Amino acid sequence: MIEQAPSKCPPELLSRIKFQAHDFYTPQPVKHADVYFFRWICHNQSDKYGVKMMQQLVPALKKGAKIVINDNCLPKPGSEDYPDMWDEKITR
């Protein structure tokens, strides 16, 4: 992913973005960034580990920093009107 990311980024933004692998359960190595972007990370975490991830980020934040979370939120099982039970299974 990290190697492919720059090719997907608009060239005018490349100088402002740093792509790197990181273990979310360890302290955030990038300090005082304007934005921290979590894409498809949180949905695989139980509350306990999701909280731990955010706690590791807090010391790196500067005043006014943004945390952007781009992820899926699933409704309660059986609460959506899927045309086929298989569709709900695929979504989950």
PDB file of N, CA and C in Angstrom:
ATOM      1  N   MET A   1       0.798  -1.203   0.000  1.00  0.00           N
ATOM      2  CA  MET A   1       0.000   0.000   0.000  1.00  0.00           C
ATOM      3  C   MET A   1       0.841   1.267   0.000  1.00  0.00           C
ATOM      4  N   ILE A   2       1.831   1.300   0.859  1.00  0.00           N
ATOM      5  CA  ILE A   2       2.628   2.516   1.014  1.00  0.00           C
ATOM      6  C   ILE A   2       3.326   2.863  -0.301  1.00  0.00           C
ATOM      7  N   GLU A   3       3.819   1.851  -1.008  1.00  0.00           N
ATOM      8  CA  GLU A   3       4.511   2.109  -2.270  1.00  0.00           C
ATOM      9  C   GLU A   3       3.552   2.628  -3.339  1.00  0.00           C
ATOM     10  N   GLN A   4       2.299   2.171  -3.313  1.00  0.00           N
ATOM     11  CA  GLN A   4       1.309   2.556  -4.331  1.00  0.00           C
ATOM     12  C   GLN A   4       0.661   3.910  -4.041  1.00  0.00           C
ATOM     13  N   ALA A   5       0.601   4.302  -2.810  1.00  0.00           N
ATOM     14  CA  ALA A   5      -0.150   5.495  -2.411  1.00  0.00           C
ATOM     15  C   ALA A   5       0.260   6.765  -3.160  1.00  0.00           C
ATOM     16  N   PRO A   6       1.547   7.067  -3.294  1.00  0.00           N
ATOM     17  CA  PRO A   6       1.902   8.317  -3.993  1.00  0.00           C
ATOM     18  C   PRO A   6       1.379   8.400  -5.427  1.00  0.00           C
ATOM     19  N   SER A   7       1.278   7.276  -6.101  1.00  0.00           N
ATOM     20  CA  SER A   7       0.785   7.302  -7.481  1.00  0.00           C
ATOM     21  C   SER A   7      -0.705   7.622  -7.552  1.00  0.00           C
ATOM     22  N   LYS A   8      -1.406   7.461  -6.453  1.00  0.00           N
ATOM     23  CA  LYS A   8      -2.849   7.749  -6.393  1.00  0.00           C
ATOM     24  C   LYS A   8      -3.130   9.166  -5.896  1.00  0.00           C
ATOM     25  N   CYS A   9      -2.112   9.838  -5.442  1.00  0.00           N
ATOM     26  CA  CYS A   9      -2.255  11.161  -4.837  1.00  0.00           C
ATOM     27  C   CYS A   9      -2.083  12.251  -5.891  1.00  0.00           C
ATOM     28  N   PRO A  10      -2.909  13.312  -5.849  1.00  0.00           N
ATOM     29  CA  PRO A  10      -2.688  14.440  -6.766  1.00  0.00           C
ATOM     30  C   PRO A  10      -1.274  14.999  -6.582  1.00  0.00           C
ATOM     31  N   PRO A  11      -0.550  15.208  -7.671  1.00  0.00           N
ATOM     32  CA  PRO A  11       0.848  15.655  -7.583  1.00  0.00           C
ATOM     33  C   PRO A  11       1.041  16.920  -6.742  1.00  0.00           C
ATOM     34  N   GLU A  12       0.077  17.836  -6.778  1.00  0.00           N
ATOM     35  CA  GLU A  12       0.234  19.085  -6.025  1.00  0.00           C
ATOM     36  C   GLU A  12       0.164  18.879  -4.513  1.00  0.00           C
ATOM     37  N   LEU A  13      -0.280  17.710  -4.071  1.00  0.00           N
ATOM     38  CA  LEU A  13      -0.361  17.434  -2.629  1.00  0.00           C
ATOM     39  C   LEU A  13       0.798  16.591  -2.105  1.00  0.00           C
ATOM     40  N   LEU A  14       1.557  15.989  -2.994  1.00  0.00           N
ATOM     41  CA  LEU A  14       2.612  15.061  -2.567  1.00  0.00           C
ATOM     42  C   LEU A  14       3.609  15.661  -1.586  1.00  0.00           C
ATOM     43  N   SER A  15       3.925  16.925  -1.729  1.00  0.00           N
ATOM     44  CA  SER A  15       4.904  17.535  -0.814  1.00  0.00           C
ATOM     45  C   SER A  15       4.319  17.757   0.582  1.00  0.00           C
ATOM     46  N   ARG A  16       3.005  17.639   0.719  1.00  0.00           N
ATOM     47  CA  ARG A  16       2.345  17.897   2.006  1.00  0.00           C
ATOM     48  C   ARG A  16       1.917  16.630   2.732  1.00  0.00           C
ATOM     49  N   ILE A  17       2.106  15.475   2.078  1.00  0.00           N
ATOM     50  CA  ILE A  17       1.617  14.207   2.628  1.00  0.00           C
ATOM     51  C   ILE A  17       2.783  13.261   2.842  1.00  0.00           C
ATOM     52  N   LYS A  18       2.749  12.561   3.990  1.00  0.00           N
ATOM     53  CA  LYS A  18       3.759  11.549   4.265  1.00  0.00           C
ATOM     54  C   LYS A  18       3.046  10.210   4.421  1.00  0.00           C
ATOM     55  N   PHE A  19       3.444   9.247   3.611  1.00  0.00           N
ATOM     56  CA  PHE A  19       2.891   7.903   3.692  1.00  0.00           C
ATOM     57  C   PHE A  19       3.892   7.026   4.437  1.00  0.00           C
ATOM     58  N   GLN A  20       3.416   6.292   5.435  1.00  0.00           N
ATOM     59  CA  GLN A  20       4.310   5.384   6.148  1.00  0.00           C
ATOM     60  C   GLN A  20       3.512   4.291   6.832  1.00  0.00           C
ATOM     61  N   ALA A  21       4.135   3.139   6.980  1.00  0.00           N
ATOM     62  CA  ALA A  21       3.531   2.049   7.742  1.00  0.00           C
ATOM     63  C   ALA A  21       3.661   2.397   9.227  1.00  0.00           C
ATOM     64  N   HIS A  22       2.685   1.971  10.012  1.00  0.00           N
ATOM     65  CA  HIS A  22       2.711   2.284  11.439  1.00  0.00           C
ATOM     66  C   HIS A  22       1.883   1.268  12.204  1.00  0.00           C
ATOM     67  N   ASP A  23       2.367   0.853  13.339  1.00  0.00           N
ATOM     68  CA  ASP A  23       1.617  -0.001  14.258  1.00  0.00           C
ATOM     69  C   ASP A  23       0.777   0.927  15.128  1.00  0.00           C
ATOM     70  N   PHE A  24      -0.529   0.895  14.950  1.00  0.00           N
ATOM     71  CA  PHE A  24      -1.433   1.827  15.629  1.00  0.00           C
ATOM     72  C   PHE A  24      -1.471   1.653  17.143  1.00  0.00           C
ATOM     73  N   TYR A  25      -0.916   0.568  17.662  1.00  0.00           N
ATOM     74  CA  TYR A  25      -0.918   0.333  19.103  1.00  0.00           C
ATOM     75  C   TYR A  25       0.350   0.872  19.769  1.00  0.00           C
ATOM     76  N   THR A  26       1.175   1.565  19.000  1.00  0.00           N
ATOM     77  CA  THR A  26       2.385   2.187  19.534  1.00  0.00           C
ATOM     78  C   THR A  26       2.254   3.696  19.343  1.00  0.00           C
ATOM     79  N   PRO A  27       3.055   4.481  20.049  1.00  0.00           N
ATOM     80  CA  PRO A  27       2.923   5.938  19.927  1.00  0.00           C
ATOM     81  C   PRO A  27       3.069   6.424  18.477  1.00  0.00           C
ATOM     82  N   GLN A  28       2.241   7.372  18.108  1.00  0.00           N
ATOM     83  CA  GLN A  28       2.278   7.965  16.774  1.00  0.00           C
ATOM     84  C   GLN A  28       3.611   8.684  16.584  1.00  0.00           C
ATOM     85  N   PRO A  29       4.407   8.272  15.574  1.00  0.00           N
ATOM     86  CA  PRO A  29       5.714   8.900  15.387  1.00  0.00           C
ATOM     87  C   PRO A  29       5.652  10.273  14.716  1.00  0.00           C
ATOM     88  N   VAL A  30       4.600  10.560  14.001  1.00  0.00           N
ATOM     89  CA  VAL A  30       4.476  11.859  13.322  1.00  0.00           C
ATOM     90  C   VAL A  30       3.774  12.821  14.279  1.00  0.00           C
ATOM     91  N   LYS A  31       4.482  13.838  14.680  1.00  0.00           N
ATOM     92  CA  LYS A  31       3.960  14.805  15.651  1.00  0.00           C
ATOM     93  C   LYS A  31       3.483  16.071  14.957  1.00  0.00           C
ATOM     94  N   HIS A  32       2.399  16.635  15.460  1.00  0.00           N
ATOM     95  CA  HIS A  32       1.910  17.954  15.072  1.00  0.00           C
ATOM     96  C   HIS A  32       1.470  18.067  13.606  1.00  0.00           C
ATOM     97  N   ALA A  33       0.957  16.987  13.043  1.00  0.00           N
ATOM     98  CA  ALA A  33       0.415  17.052  11.678  1.00  0.00           C
ATOM     99  C   ALA A  33      -0.913  17.800  11.706  1.00  0.00           C
ATOM    100  N   ASP A  34      -1.311  18.316  10.567  1.00  0.00           N
ATOM    101  CA  ASP A  34      -2.605  18.991  10.465  1.00  0.00           C
ATOM    102  C   ASP A  34      -3.752  17.983  10.480  1.00  0.00           C
ATOM    103  N   VAL A  35      -3.532  16.821   9.830  1.00  0.00           N
ATOM    104  CA  VAL A  35      -4.582  15.811   9.695  1.00  0.00           C
ATOM    105  C   VAL A  35      -3.978  14.418   9.866  1.00  0.00           C
ATOM    106  N   TYR A  36      -4.698  13.572  10.581  1.00  0.00           N
ATOM    107  CA  TYR A  36      -4.372  12.150  10.670  1.00  0.00           C
ATOM    108  C   TYR A  36      -5.555  11.411  10.049  1.00  0.00           C
ATOM    109  N   PHE A  37      -5.288  10.582   9.053  1.00  0.00           N
ATOM    110  CA  PHE A  37      -6.329   9.935   8.254  1.00  0.00           C
ATOM    111  C   PHE A  37      -6.309   8.427   8.516  1.00  0.00           C
ATOM    112  N   PHE A  38      -7.420   7.914   9.039  1.00  0.00           N
ATOM    113  CA  PHE A  38      -7.580   6.492   9.314  1.00  0.00           C
ATOM    114  C   PHE A  38      -8.583   5.934   8.300  1.00  0.00           C
ATOM    115  N   ARG A  39      -8.097   5.170   7.349  1.00  0.00           N
ATOM    116  CA  ARG A  39      -8.980   4.627   6.315  1.00  0.00           C
ATOM    117  C   ARG A  39      -9.078   3.114   6.469  1.00  0.00           C
ATOM    118  N   TRP A  40     -10.299   2.659   6.702  1.00  0.00           N
ATOM    119  CA  TRP A  40     -10.600   1.228   6.832  1.00  0.00           C
ATOM    120  C   TRP A  40      -9.735   0.571   7.894  1.00  0.00           C
ATOM    121  N   ILE A  41      -9.587   1.252   9.020  1.00  0.00           N
ATOM    122  CA  ILE A  41      -8.786   0.742  10.128  1.00  0.00           C
ATOM    123  C   ILE A  41      -9.677   0.351  11.306  1.00  0.00           C
ATOM    124  N   CYS A  42     -10.579   1.213  11.670  1.00  0.00           N
ATOM    125  CA  CYS A  42     -11.330   1.066  12.922  1.00  0.00           C
ATOM    126  C   CYS A  42     -12.330  -0.087  12.912  1.00  0.00           C
ATOM    127  N   HIS A  43     -12.879  -0.447  11.784  1.00  0.00           N
ATOM    128  CA  HIS A  43     -13.941  -1.454  11.756  1.00  0.00           C
ATOM    129  C   HIS A  43     -13.475  -2.831  12.223  1.00  0.00           C
ATOM    130  N   ASN A  44     -12.194  -3.096  12.190  1.00  0.00           N
ATOM    131  CA  ASN A  44     -11.674  -4.398  12.627  1.00  0.00           C
ATOM    132  C   ASN A  44     -11.314  -4.419  14.105  1.00  0.00           C
ATOM    133  N   GLN A  45     -11.558  -3.350  14.820  1.00  0.00           N
ATOM    134  CA  GLN A  45     -11.120  -3.234  16.206  1.00  0.00           C
ATOM    135  C   GLN A  45     -12.303  -3.331  17.169  1.00  0.00           C
ATOM    136  N   SER A  46     -12.112  -4.069  18.248  1.00  0.00           N
ATOM    137  CA  SER A  46     -13.103  -4.010  19.322  1.00  0.00           C
ATOM    138  C   SER A  46     -12.936  -2.646  19.994  1.00  0.00           C
ATOM    139  N   ASP A  47     -13.897  -2.261  20.805  1.00  0.00           N
ATOM    140  CA  ASP A  47     -13.816  -0.965  21.488  1.00  0.00           C
ATOM    141  C   ASP A  47     -12.501  -0.817  22.247  1.00  0.00           C
ATOM    142  N   LYS A  48     -12.097  -1.867  22.946  1.00  0.00           N
ATOM    143  CA  LYS A  48     -10.875  -1.831  23.748  1.00  0.00           C
ATOM    144  C   LYS A  48      -9.670  -1.429  22.887  1.00  0.00           C
ATOM    145  N   TYR A  49      -9.533  -2.017  21.719  1.00  0.00           N
ATOM    146  CA  TYR A  49      -8.385  -1.737  20.869  1.00  0.00           C
ATOM    147  C   TYR A  49      -8.558  -0.441  20.082  1.00  0.00           C
ATOM    148  N   GLY A  50      -9.784  -0.082  19.762  1.00  0.00           N
ATOM    149  CA  GLY A  50     -10.028   1.207  19.129  1.00  0.00           C
ATOM    150  C   GLY A  50      -9.634   2.352  20.046  1.00  0.00           C
ATOM    151  N   VAL A  51      -9.968   2.232  21.314  1.00  0.00           N
ATOM    152  CA  VAL A  51      -9.588   3.243  22.307  1.00  0.00           C
ATOM    153  C   VAL A  51      -8.064   3.298  22.430  1.00  0.00           C
ATOM    154  N   LYS A  52      -7.418   2.144  22.447  1.00  0.00           N
ATOM    155  CA  LYS A  52      -5.960   2.115  22.555  1.00  0.00           C
ATOM    156  C   LYS A  52      -5.314   2.825  21.360  1.00  0.00           C
ATOM    157  N   MET A  53      -5.846   2.610  20.160  1.00  0.00           N
ATOM    158  CA  MET A  53      -5.314   3.284  18.967  1.00  0.00           C
ATOM    159  C   MET A  53      -5.404   4.798  19.123  1.00  0.00           C
ATOM    160  N   MET A  54      -6.541   5.289  19.549  1.00  0.00           N
ATOM    161  CA  MET A  54      -6.719   6.737  19.691  1.00  0.00           C
ATOM    162  C   MET A  54      -5.842   7.300  20.814  1.00  0.00           C
ATOM    163  N   GLN A  55      -5.665   6.531  21.881  1.00  0.00           N
ATOM    164  CA  GLN A  55      -4.801   6.987  22.973  1.00  0.00           C
ATOM    165  C   GLN A  55      -3.350   7.152  22.514  1.00  0.00           C
ATOM    166  N   GLN A  56      -2.922   6.320  21.585  1.00  0.00           N
ATOM    167  CA  GLN A  56      -1.558   6.423  21.057  1.00  0.00           C
ATOM    168  C   GLN A  56      -1.392   7.649  20.161  1.00  0.00           C
ATOM    169  N   LEU A  57      -2.494   8.134  19.628  1.00  0.00           N
ATOM    170  CA  LEU A  57      -2.462   9.299  18.748  1.00  0.00           C
ATOM    171  C   LEU A  57      -2.469  10.620  19.522  1.00  0.00           C
ATOM    172  N   VAL A  58      -3.166  10.664  20.636  1.00  0.00           N
ATOM    173  CA  VAL A  58      -3.382  11.909  21.379  1.00  0.00           C
ATOM    174  C   VAL A  58      -2.096  12.693  21.669  1.00  0.00           C
ATOM    175  N   PRO A  59      -1.019  12.070  22.155  1.00  0.00           N
ATOM    176  CA  PRO A  59       0.180  12.873  22.447  1.00  0.00           C
ATOM    177  C   PRO A  59       0.798  13.553  21.223  1.00  0.00           C
ATOM    178  N   ALA A  60       0.526  13.067  20.032  1.00  0.00           N
ATOM    179  CA  ALA A  60       1.095  13.645  18.804  1.00  0.00           C
ATOM    180  C   ALA A  60       0.298  14.832  18.289  1.00  0.00           C
ATOM    181  N   LEU A  61      -0.934  15.004  18.781  1.00  0.00           N
ATOM    182  CA  LEU A  61      -1.820  16.036  18.242  1.00  0.00           C
ATOM    183  C   LEU A  61      -1.396  17.442  18.645  1.00  0.00           C
ATOM    184  N   LYS A  62      -1.567  18.342  17.716  1.00  0.00           N
ATOM    185  CA  LYS A  62      -1.393  19.754  18.027  1.00  0.00           C
ATOM    186  C   LYS A  62      -2.780  20.381  18.097  1.00  0.00           C
ATOM    187  N   LYS A  63      -2.875  21.538  18.673  1.00  0.00           N
ATOM    188  CA  LYS A  63      -4.153  22.237  18.763  1.00  0.00           C
ATOM    189  C   LYS A  63      -4.701  22.461  17.348  1.00  0.00           C
ATOM    190  N   GLY A  64      -5.942  22.083  17.149  1.00  0.00           N
ATOM    191  CA  GLY A  64      -6.592  22.271  15.856  1.00  0.00           C
ATOM    192  C   GLY A  64      -6.399  21.133  14.876  1.00  0.00           C
ATOM    193  N   ALA A  65      -5.619  20.115  15.230  1.00  0.00           N
ATOM    194  CA  ALA A  65      -5.421  18.971  14.332  1.00  0.00           C
ATOM    195  C   ALA A  65      -6.748  18.246  14.124  1.00  0.00           C
ATOM    196  N   LYS A  66      -6.884  17.645  12.964  1.00  0.00           N
ATOM    197  CA  LYS A  66      -8.092  16.887  12.621  1.00  0.00           C
ATOM    198  C   LYS A  66      -7.759  15.397  12.570  1.00  0.00           C
ATOM    199  N   ILE A  67      -8.698  14.583  13.022  1.00  0.00           N
ATOM    200  CA  ILE A  67      -8.626  13.140  12.858  1.00  0.00           C
ATOM    201  C   ILE A  67      -9.776  12.781  11.923  1.00  0.00           C
ATOM    202  N   VAL A  68      -9.443  12.249  10.763  1.00  0.00           N
ATOM    203  CA  VAL A  68     -10.458  11.866   9.777  1.00  0.00           C
ATOM    204  C   VAL A  68     -10.532  10.345   9.768  1.00  0.00           C
ATOM    205  N   ILE A  69     -11.726   9.825  10.024  1.00  0.00           N
ATOM    206  CA  ILE A  69     -11.946   8.382  10.010  1.00  0.00           C
ATOM    207  C   ILE A  69     -12.879   8.069   8.855  1.00  0.00           C
ATOM    208  N   ASN A  70     -12.362   7.293   7.894  1.00  0.00           N
ATOM    209  CA  ASN A  70     -13.136   6.866   6.719  1.00  0.00           C
ATOM    210  C   ASN A  70     -13.331   5.360   6.859  1.00  0.00           C
ATOM    211  N   ASP A  71     -14.519   4.955   7.267  1.00  0.00           N
ATOM    212  CA  ASP A  71     -14.749   3.551   7.559  1.00  0.00           C
ATOM    213  C   ASP A  71     -16.216   3.199   7.331  1.00  0.00           C
ATOM    214  N   ASN A  72     -16.537   1.947   7.519  1.00  0.00           N
ATOM    215  CA  ASN A  72     -17.913   1.479   7.381  1.00  0.00           C
ATOM    216  C   ASN A  72     -18.581   1.423   8.751  1.00  0.00           C
ATOM    217  N   CYS A  73     -19.848   1.774   8.784  1.00  0.00           N
ATOM    218  CA  CYS A  73     -20.674   1.592   9.972  1.00  0.00           C
ATOM    219  C   CYS A  73     -21.810   0.664   9.568  1.00  0.00           C
ATOM    220  N   LEU A  74     -21.905  -0.454  10.219  1.00  0.00           N
ATOM    221  CA  LEU A  74     -22.920  -1.437   9.861  1.00  0.00           C
ATOM    222  C   LEU A  74     -24.140  -1.324  10.768  1.00  0.00           C
ATOM    223  N   PRO A  75     -25.327  -1.482  10.183  1.00  0.00           N
ATOM    224  CA  PRO A  75     -26.549  -1.486  11.011  1.00  0.00           C
ATOM    225  C   PRO A  75     -26.646  -2.799  11.786  1.00  0.00           C
ATOM    226  N   LYS A  76     -27.553  -2.846  12.743  1.00  0.00           N
ATOM    227  CA  LYS A  76     -27.783  -4.074  13.494  1.00  0.00           C
ATOM    228  C   LYS A  76     -28.191  -5.186  12.527  1.00  0.00           C
ATOM    229  N   PRO A  77     -27.728  -6.419  12.765  1.00  0.00           N
ATOM    230  CA  PRO A  77     -28.117  -7.533  11.887  1.00  0.00           C
ATOM    231  C   PRO A  77     -29.631  -7.640  11.764  1.00  0.00           C
ATOM    232  N   GLY A  78     -30.087  -7.815  10.535  1.00  0.00           N
ATOM    233  CA  GLY A  78     -31.517  -7.978  10.269  1.00  0.00           C
ATOM    234  C   GLY A  78     -32.306  -6.685  10.231  1.00  0.00           C
ATOM    235  N   SER A  79     -31.681  -5.527  10.470  1.00  0.00           N
ATOM    236  CA  SER A  79     -32.433  -4.273  10.523  1.00  0.00           C
ATOM    237  C   SER A  79     -32.576  -3.610   9.155  1.00  0.00           C
ATOM    238  N   GLU A  80     -31.769  -4.005   8.186  1.00  0.00           N
ATOM    239  CA  GLU A  80     -31.861  -3.430   6.842  1.00  0.00           C
ATOM    240  C   GLU A  80     -32.671  -4.341   5.936  1.00  0.00           C
ATOM    241  N   ASP A  81     -33.276  -3.746   4.927  1.00  0.00           N
ATOM    242  CA  ASP A  81     -34.096  -4.510   3.980  1.00  0.00           C
ATOM    243  C   ASP A  81     -33.237  -4.935   2.786  1.00  0.00           C
ATOM    244  N   TYR A  82     -32.416  -5.979   2.989  1.00  0.00           N
ATOM    245  CA  TYR A  82     -31.627  -6.512   1.893  1.00  0.00           C
ATOM    246  C   TYR A  82     -32.527  -7.419   1.056  1.00  0.00           C
ATOM    247  N   PRO A  83     -32.431  -7.334  -0.266  1.00  0.00           N
ATOM    248  CA  PRO A  83     -33.271  -8.183  -1.104  1.00  0.00           C
ATOM    249  C   PRO A  83     -32.949  -9.664  -0.949  1.00  0.00           C
ATOM    250  N   ASP A  84     -31.765  -9.954  -0.490  1.00  0.00           N
ATOM    251  CA  ASP A  84     -31.326 -11.337  -0.360  1.00  0.00           C
ATOM    252  C   ASP A  84     -30.474 -11.442   0.908  1.00  0.00           C
ATOM    253  N   MET A  85     -30.661 -12.484   1.684  1.00  0.00           N
ATOM    254  CA  MET A  85     -29.887 -12.677   2.913  1.00  0.00           C
ATOM    255  C   MET A  85     -28.387 -12.693   2.606  1.00  0.00           C
ATOM    256  N   TRP A  86     -28.022 -13.176   1.440  1.00  0.00           N
ATOM    257  CA  TRP A  86     -26.613 -13.240   1.050  1.00  0.00           C
ATOM    258  C   TRP A  86     -26.003 -11.844   0.986  1.00  0.00           C
ATOM    259  N   ASP A  87     -26.784 -10.842   0.548  1.00  0.00           N
ATOM    260  CA  ASP A  87     -26.281  -9.474   0.471  1.00  0.00           C
ATOM    261  C   ASP A  87     -25.847  -8.968   1.848  1.00  0.00           C
ATOM    262  N   GLU A  88     -26.612  -9.267   2.863  1.00  0.00           N
ATOM    263  CA  GLU A  88     -26.227  -8.838   4.214  1.00  0.00           C
ATOM    264  C   GLU A  88     -24.963  -9.559   4.657  1.00  0.00           C
ATOM    265  N   LYS A  89     -24.856 -10.834   4.342  1.00  0.00           N
ATOM    266  CA  LYS A  89     -23.670 -11.595   4.725  1.00  0.00           C
ATOM    267  C   LYS A  89     -22.421 -11.010   4.055  1.00  0.00           C
ATOM    268  N   ILE A  90     -22.494 -10.647   2.805  1.00  0.00           N
ATOM    269  CA  ILE A  90     -21.353 -10.067   2.083  1.00  0.00           C
ATOM    270  C   ILE A  90     -20.971  -8.725   2.718  1.00  0.00           C
ATOM    271  N   THR A  91     -21.961  -7.915   3.076  1.00  0.00           N
ATOM    272  CA  THR A  91     -21.704  -6.620   3.680  1.00  0.00           C
ATOM    273  C   THR A  91     -20.953  -6.776   4.994  1.00  0.00           C
ATOM    274  N   ARG A  92     -21.321  -7.765   5.762  1.00  0.00           N
ATOM    275  CA  ARG A  92     -20.668  -7.977   7.051  1.00  0.00           C
ATOM    276  C   ARG A  92     -19.317  -8.633   6.881  1.00  0.00           C
TER     277      ARG A  92
END
